Amino acid sequence: MSFDSLFPLAASSLTVAVVCYPVDVLRALKMSSAGGSGVTPGQFYAKYGIRGFFGQGMAPEVTRATVMRVSKFFFNPVMTNLLYGKKPSECTIPQKILCGGLATFPEILAISPFEVAKLGLQTDTTNAFKNDMFAFMRHQYAAKGISGLYVGWFGMQARQSIFTGVFFGTVGTYRN
C-alpha cells in the first residue's frame, strides 16, 4: 500500500463512522443495560435530545473508526512483507489470514482509548464530561491507571483479529 491511498481510506472511514453513528449509540445503550440497569434510549433522548444520537461521543468514534480502518489497511501489507517477504497478493489464504489478524495489534493499541471514551460519553447520563473525550480519558486514567483506557482490550482484539484475518484471507476470492 502506498501513502497516497491513506487519504481516500481516511475519508471513507470518516463517512462510514458519521453515517452509522446513531445505530452505534443505540447499540451502546442497549449493551450498557444488559445487566438490568444502565441507560435506556428514552433516558438518553430525555437528556440529550435527538442531537445526542448524532453527537454524544462522536469525536472519539470518528477518531477510532478512522484510525482503525487506516491502520488495518496500512499494516496488513507491512505484516505480509515482514513475515513472508511478499506482497499480500502473493500470499496464500492462510498467510493472508494470519497477517490480517496480526496487523490488528497496533490498530487495537491505538483505538482502545477512543472506544472506551466513546462508550463512556454515550452512557454519561449526568453529562459530567461535557462530551469531551479527553476529559473522560483523563478521568479514566486518574481512576484506573493505563488499564482504564484499555478496558475490553481482549474482546476488541479478538473481534478485530478474526474479522480482519478472514477479510484479507477471502477478499481476493470475492473480488475474483
C-alpha atoms as a PDB file:
ATOM      1  CA  MET A   1       0.000   0.000   0.000  1.00  0.00           C
ATOM      2  CA  SER A   2       1.302   3.429  -0.855  1.00  0.00           C
ATOM      3  CA  PHE A   3       0.843   6.535   1.252  1.00  0.00           C
ATOM      4  CA  ASP A   4      -1.282   8.163  -1.478  1.00  0.00           C
ATOM      5  CA  SER A   5      -4.107   5.766  -0.604  1.00  0.00           C
ATOM      6  CA  LEU A   6      -4.222   6.941   3.036  1.00  0.00           C
ATOM      7  CA  PHE A   7      -6.403   9.997   2.270  1.00  0.00           C
ATOM      8  CA  PRO A   8      -9.167   8.044   0.444  1.00  0.00           C
ATOM      9  CA  LEU A   9      -9.104   5.455   3.262  1.00  0.00           C
ATOM     10  CA  ALA A  10      -9.400   8.155   5.901  1.00  0.00           C
ATOM     11  CA  ALA A  11     -12.197   9.955   4.013  1.00  0.00           C
ATOM     12  CA  SER A  12     -14.242   6.794   3.543  1.00  0.00           C
ATOM     13  CA  SER A  13     -13.692   5.781   7.166  1.00  0.00           C
ATOM     14  CA  LEU A  14     -14.875   9.177   8.348  1.00  0.00           C
ATOM     15  CA  THR A  15     -18.010   8.928   6.200  1.00  0.00           C
ATOM     16  CA  VAL A  16     -18.926   5.453   7.471  1.00  0.00           C
ATOM     17  CA  ALA A  17     -18.348   6.490  11.092  1.00  0.00           C
ATOM     18  CA  VAL A  18     -20.609   9.540  10.818  1.00  0.00           C
ATOM     19  CA  VAL A  19     -23.420   7.862   8.862  1.00  0.00           C
ATOM     20  CA  CYS A  20     -23.580   4.777  11.103  1.00  0.00           C
ATOM     21  CA  TYR A  21     -23.155   6.627  14.394  1.00  0.00           C
ATOM     22  CA  PRO A  22     -26.792   6.772  15.583  1.00  0.00           C
ATOM     23  CA  VAL A  23     -27.003   2.971  15.286  1.00  0.00           C
ATOM     24  CA  ASP A  24     -23.811   2.673  17.322  1.00  0.00           C
ATOM     25  CA  VAL A  25     -25.305   4.877  20.060  1.00  0.00           C
ATOM     26  CA  LEU A  26     -28.378   2.634  20.251  1.00  0.00           C
ATOM     27  CA  ARG A  27     -26.158  -0.471  20.411  1.00  0.00           C
ATOM     28  CA  ALA A  28     -24.076   1.012  23.233  1.00  0.00           C
ATOM     29  CA  LEU A  29     -27.176   1.983  25.205  1.00  0.00           C
ATOM     30  CA  LYS A  30     -28.697  -1.471  24.806  1.00  0.00           C
ATOM     31  CA  MET A  31     -25.452  -3.175  25.805  1.00  0.00           C
ATOM     32  CA  SER A  32     -24.979  -0.895  28.823  1.00  0.00           C
ATOM     33  CA  SER A  33     -28.359  -2.013  30.183  1.00  0.00           C
ATOM     34  CA  ALA A  34     -27.703  -5.744  29.722  1.00  0.00           C
ATOM     35  CA  GLY A  35     -27.495  -6.313  33.486  1.00  0.00           C
ATOM     36  CA  GLY A  36     -30.835  -4.640  34.150  1.00  0.00           C
ATOM     37  CA  SER A  37     -29.538  -1.159  34.860  1.00  0.00           C
ATOM     38  CA  GLY A  38     -27.998   1.344  32.538  1.00  0.00           C
ATOM     39  CA  VAL A  39     -29.218   3.994  30.152  1.00  0.00           C
ATOM     40  CA  THR A  40     -32.298   3.407  28.037  1.00  0.00           C
ATOM     41  CA  PRO A  41     -32.745   5.127  24.667  1.00  0.00           C
ATOM     42  CA  GLY A  42     -35.604   7.098  26.262  1.00  0.00           C
ATOM     43  CA  GLN A  43     -33.385   8.351  29.080  1.00  0.00           C
ATOM     44  CA  PHE A  44     -30.671   9.222  26.599  1.00  0.00           C
ATOM     45  CA  TYR A  45     -33.172  11.148  24.466  1.00  0.00           C
ATOM     46  CA  ALA A  46     -34.528  12.967  27.539  1.00  0.00           C
ATOM     47  CA  LYS A  47     -31.010  14.086  28.466  1.00  0.00           C
ATOM     48  CA  TYR A  48     -29.537  14.901  25.034  1.00  0.00           C
ATOM     49  CA  GLY A  49     -32.442  15.058  22.584  1.00  0.00           C
ATOM     50  CA  ILE A  50     -32.242  13.809  19.006  1.00  0.00           C
ATOM     51  CA  ARG A  51     -28.978  15.718  18.610  1.00  0.00           C
ATOM     52  CA  GLY A  52     -27.345  13.353  21.116  1.00  0.00           C
ATOM     53  CA  PHE A  53     -27.816  10.426  18.747  1.00  0.00           C
ATOM     54  CA  PHE A  54     -25.638  12.287  16.252  1.00  0.00           C
ATOM     55  CA  GLY A  55     -23.120  13.908  18.566  1.00  0.00           C
ATOM     56  CA  GLN A  56     -22.704  12.446  22.043  1.00  0.00           C
ATOM     57  CA  GLY A  57     -19.369  10.633  21.864  1.00  0.00           C
ATOM     58  CA  MET A  58     -18.981  11.339  18.131  1.00  0.00           C
ATOM     59  CA  ALA A  59     -15.415  12.701  18.297  1.00  0.00           C
ATOM     60  CA  PRO A  60     -13.883   9.549  19.802  1.00  0.00           C
ATOM     61  CA  GLU A  61     -15.943   7.367  17.432  1.00  0.00           C
ATOM     62  CA  VAL A  62     -14.802   9.191  14.319  1.00  0.00           C
ATOM     63  CA  THR A  63     -11.215   9.149  15.582  1.00  0.00           C
ATOM     64  CA  ARG A  64     -11.407   5.453  16.483  1.00  0.00           C
ATOM     65  CA  ALA A  65     -13.044   4.370  13.237  1.00  0.00           C
ATOM     66  CA  THR A  66     -10.680   6.370  11.050  1.00  0.00           C
ATOM     67  CA  VAL A  67      -7.534   5.202  12.843  1.00  0.00           C
ATOM     68  CA  MET A  68      -8.858   1.620  12.837  1.00  0.00           C
ATOM     69  CA  ARG A  69      -9.525   1.434   9.114  1.00  0.00           C
ATOM     70  CA  VAL A  70      -6.417   3.294   8.028  1.00  0.00           C
ATOM     71  CA  SER A  71      -4.140   1.199  10.250  1.00  0.00           C
ATOM     72  CA  LYS A  72      -5.804  -2.064   9.208  1.00  0.00           C
ATOM     73  CA  PHE A  73      -5.085  -1.424   5.530  1.00  0.00           C
ATOM     74  CA  PHE A  74      -1.692   0.151   6.217  1.00  0.00           C
ATOM     75  CA  PHE A  75      -0.297  -2.593   8.474  1.00  0.00           C
ATOM     76  CA  ASN A  76      -1.541  -5.612   6.515  1.00  0.00           C
ATOM     77  CA  PRO A  77       0.999  -5.244   3.672  1.00  0.00           C
ATOM     78  CA  VAL A  78       3.665  -4.335   6.229  1.00  0.00           C
ATOM     79  CA  MET A  79       2.915  -7.563   8.086  1.00  0.00           C
ATOM     80  CA  THR A  80       2.976  -9.738   4.934  1.00  0.00           C
ATOM     81  CA  ASN A  81       6.321  -8.240   3.956  1.00  0.00           C
ATOM     82  CA  LEU A  82       7.697  -8.663   7.477  1.00  0.00           C
ATOM     83  CA  LEU A  83       6.613 -12.290   7.880  1.00  0.00           C
ATOM     84  CA  TYR A  84       6.894 -13.617   4.337  1.00  0.00           C
ATOM     85  CA  GLY A  85       8.803 -11.018   2.311  1.00  0.00           C
ATOM     86  CA  LYS A  86       5.853 -10.843  -0.090  1.00  0.00           C
ATOM     87  CA  LYS A  87       3.027  -8.587  -1.171  1.00  0.00           C
ATOM     88  CA  PRO A  88      -0.401  -9.613   0.158  1.00  0.00           C
ATOM     89  CA  SER A  89      -1.454 -10.688  -3.357  1.00  0.00           C
ATOM     90  CA  GLU A  90       1.404 -13.226  -3.409  1.00  0.00           C
ATOM     91  CA  CYS A  91       0.422 -14.865  -0.106  1.00  0.00           C
ATOM     92  CA  THR A  92      -1.677 -17.981   0.347  1.00  0.00           C
ATOM     93  CA  ILE A  93      -5.067 -17.677   2.039  1.00  0.00           C
ATOM     94  CA  PRO A  94      -3.740 -18.972   5.406  1.00  0.00           C
ATOM     95  CA  GLN A  95      -0.840 -16.493   5.195  1.00  0.00           C
ATOM     96  CA  LYS A  96      -3.267 -13.649   4.448  1.00  0.00           C
ATOM     97  CA  ILE A  97      -5.476 -14.662   7.383  1.00  0.00           C
ATOM     98  CA  LEU A  98      -2.515 -14.738   9.781  1.00  0.00           C
ATOM     99  CA  CYS A  99      -1.105 -11.420   8.568  1.00  0.00           C
ATOM    100  CA  GLY A 100      -4.515  -9.748   8.662  1.00  0.00           C
ATOM    101  CA  GLY A 101      -5.053 -10.910  12.222  1.00  0.00           C
ATOM    102  CA  LEU A 102      -1.606  -9.826  13.380  1.00  0.00           C
ATOM    103  CA  ALA A 103      -1.926  -6.453  11.659  1.00  0.00           C
ATOM    104  CA  THR A 104      -4.659  -5.545  14.134  1.00  0.00           C
ATOM    105  CA  PHE A 105      -2.366  -5.400  17.168  1.00  0.00           C
ATOM    106  CA  PRO A 106      -1.117  -1.835  16.521  1.00  0.00           C
ATOM    107  CA  GLU A 107      -4.686  -0.942  15.483  1.00  0.00           C
ATOM    108  CA  ILE A 108      -6.211  -2.027  18.782  1.00  0.00           C
ATOM    109  CA  LEU A 109      -3.434  -0.414  20.836  1.00  0.00           C
ATOM    110  CA  ALA A 110      -4.217   2.856  19.069  1.00  0.00           C
ATOM    111  CA  ILE A 111      -8.033   2.721  19.133  1.00  0.00           C
ATOM    112  CA  SER A 112      -8.839   1.236  22.557  1.00  0.00           C
ATOM    113  CA  PRO A 113      -8.759   4.547  24.468  1.00  0.00           C
ATOM    114  CA  PHE A 114     -11.124   6.088  21.899  1.00  0.00           C
ATOM    115  CA  GLU A 115     -13.542   3.139  22.095  1.00  0.00           C
ATOM    116  CA  VAL A 116     -13.587   3.393  25.893  1.00  0.00           C
ATOM    117  CA  ALA A 117     -14.120   7.173  25.708  1.00  0.00           C
ATOM    118  CA  LYS A 118     -16.905   6.791  23.148  1.00  0.00           C
ATOM    119  CA  LEU A 119     -18.802   4.325  25.303  1.00  0.00           C
ATOM    120  CA  GLY A 120     -18.183   6.413  28.415  1.00  0.00           C
ATOM    121  CA  LEU A 121     -19.593   9.526  26.754  1.00  0.00           C
ATOM    122  CA  GLN A 122     -22.551   7.667  25.255  1.00  0.00           C
ATOM    123  CA  THR A 123     -23.568   6.451  28.701  1.00  0.00           C
ATOM    124  CA  ASP A 124     -22.746   9.680  30.601  1.00  0.00           C
ATOM    125  CA  THR A 125     -26.274  10.450  31.812  1.00  0.00           C
ATOM    126  CA  THR A 126     -25.129  13.273  34.081  1.00  0.00           C
ATOM    127  CA  ASN A 127     -23.093  14.947  31.310  1.00  0.00           C
ATOM    128  CA  ALA A 128     -20.167  15.055  33.743  1.00  0.00           C
ATOM    129  CA  PHE A 129     -17.649  15.089  30.894  1.00  0.00           C
ATOM    130  CA  LYS A 130     -19.494  17.584  28.648  1.00  0.00           C
ATOM    131  CA  ASN A 131     -18.962  15.291  25.636  1.00  0.00           C
ATOM    132  CA  ASP A 132     -15.195  15.844  25.919  1.00  0.00           C
ATOM    133  CA  MET A 133     -13.275  12.669  25.110  1.00  0.00           C
ATOM    134  CA  PHE A 134     -10.070  13.946  26.673  1.00  0.00           C
ATOM    135  CA  ALA A 135     -11.851  14.810  29.928  1.00  0.00           C
ATOM    136  CA  PHE A 136     -13.207  11.268  30.023  1.00  0.00           C
ATOM    137  CA  MET A 137      -9.793   9.766  29.206  1.00  0.00           C
ATOM    138  CA  ARG A 138      -8.132  11.836  31.959  1.00  0.00           C
ATOM    139  CA  HIS A 139     -10.803  10.660  34.409  1.00  0.00           C
ATOM    140  CA  GLN A 140     -10.325   7.000  33.403  1.00  0.00           C
ATOM    141  CA  TYR A 141      -6.560   7.299  33.702  1.00  0.00           C
ATOM    142  CA  ALA A 142      -6.775   9.017  37.095  1.00  0.00           C
ATOM    143  CA  ALA A 143      -9.281   6.474  38.422  1.00  0.00           C
ATOM    144  CA  LYS A 144      -7.843   3.240  36.973  1.00  0.00           C
ATOM    145  CA  GLY A 145      -4.428   3.976  35.522  1.00  0.00           C
ATOM    146  CA  ILE A 146      -3.493   2.961  32.000  1.00  0.00           C
ATOM    147  CA  SER A 147      -5.715  -0.125  32.256  1.00  0.00           C
ATOM    148  CA  GLY A 148      -8.723   2.216  32.430  1.00  0.00           C
ATOM    149  CA  LEU A 149      -8.053   3.197  28.817  1.00  0.00           C
ATOM    150  CA  TYR A 150      -7.859  -0.447  27.714  1.00  0.00           C
ATOM    151  CA  VAL A 151     -10.989  -1.876  29.333  1.00  0.00           C
ATOM    152  CA  GLY A 152     -12.280  -4.548  26.958  1.00  0.00           C
ATOM    153  CA  TRP A 153      -8.996  -4.754  25.025  1.00  0.00           C
ATOM    154  CA  PHE A 154      -9.066  -8.541  24.732  1.00  0.00           C
ATOM    155  CA  GLY A 155     -12.582  -8.568  23.282  1.00  0.00           C
ATOM    156  CA  MET A 156     -11.748  -5.842  20.780  1.00  0.00           C
ATOM    157  CA  GLN A 157      -8.509  -7.593  19.828  1.00  0.00           C
ATOM    158  CA  ALA A 158     -10.234 -10.948  19.322  1.00  0.00           C
ATOM    159  CA  ARG A 159     -13.078  -9.407  17.298  1.00  0.00           C
ATOM    160  CA  GLN A 160     -10.804  -7.381  15.042  1.00  0.00           C
ATOM    161  CA  SER A 161      -8.213 -10.142  14.562  1.00  0.00           C
ATOM    162  CA  ILE A 162     -10.845 -12.621  13.458  1.00  0.00           C
ATOM    163  CA  PHE A 163     -12.715 -10.164  11.245  1.00  0.00           C
ATOM    164  CA  THR A 164      -9.594  -8.698   9.641  1.00  0.00           C
ATOM    165  CA  GLY A 165      -7.901 -12.059   9.125  1.00  0.00           C
ATOM    166  CA  VAL A 166     -10.982 -13.512   7.438  1.00  0.00           C
ATOM    167  CA  PHE A 167     -11.488 -10.309   5.424  1.00  0.00           C
ATOM    168  CA  PHE A 168      -7.967 -10.255   3.993  1.00  0.00           C
ATOM    169  CA  GLY A 169      -7.970 -14.029   3.544  1.00  0.00           C
ATOM    170  CA  THR A 170     -11.161 -14.026   1.460  1.00  0.00           C
ATOM    171  CA  VAL A 171     -11.375 -10.619  -0.231  1.00  0.00           C
ATOM    172  CA  GLY A 172      -9.431 -11.885  -3.266  1.00  0.00           C
ATOM    173  CA  THR A 173     -11.859 -14.766  -3.718  1.00  0.00           C
ATOM    174  CA  TYR A 174     -14.855 -12.421  -3.643  1.00  0.00           C
ATOM    175  CA  ARG A 175     -13.130  -9.898  -5.891  1.00  0.00           C
ATOM    176  CA  ASN A 176     -12.487 -12.616  -8.489  1.00  0.00           C
END
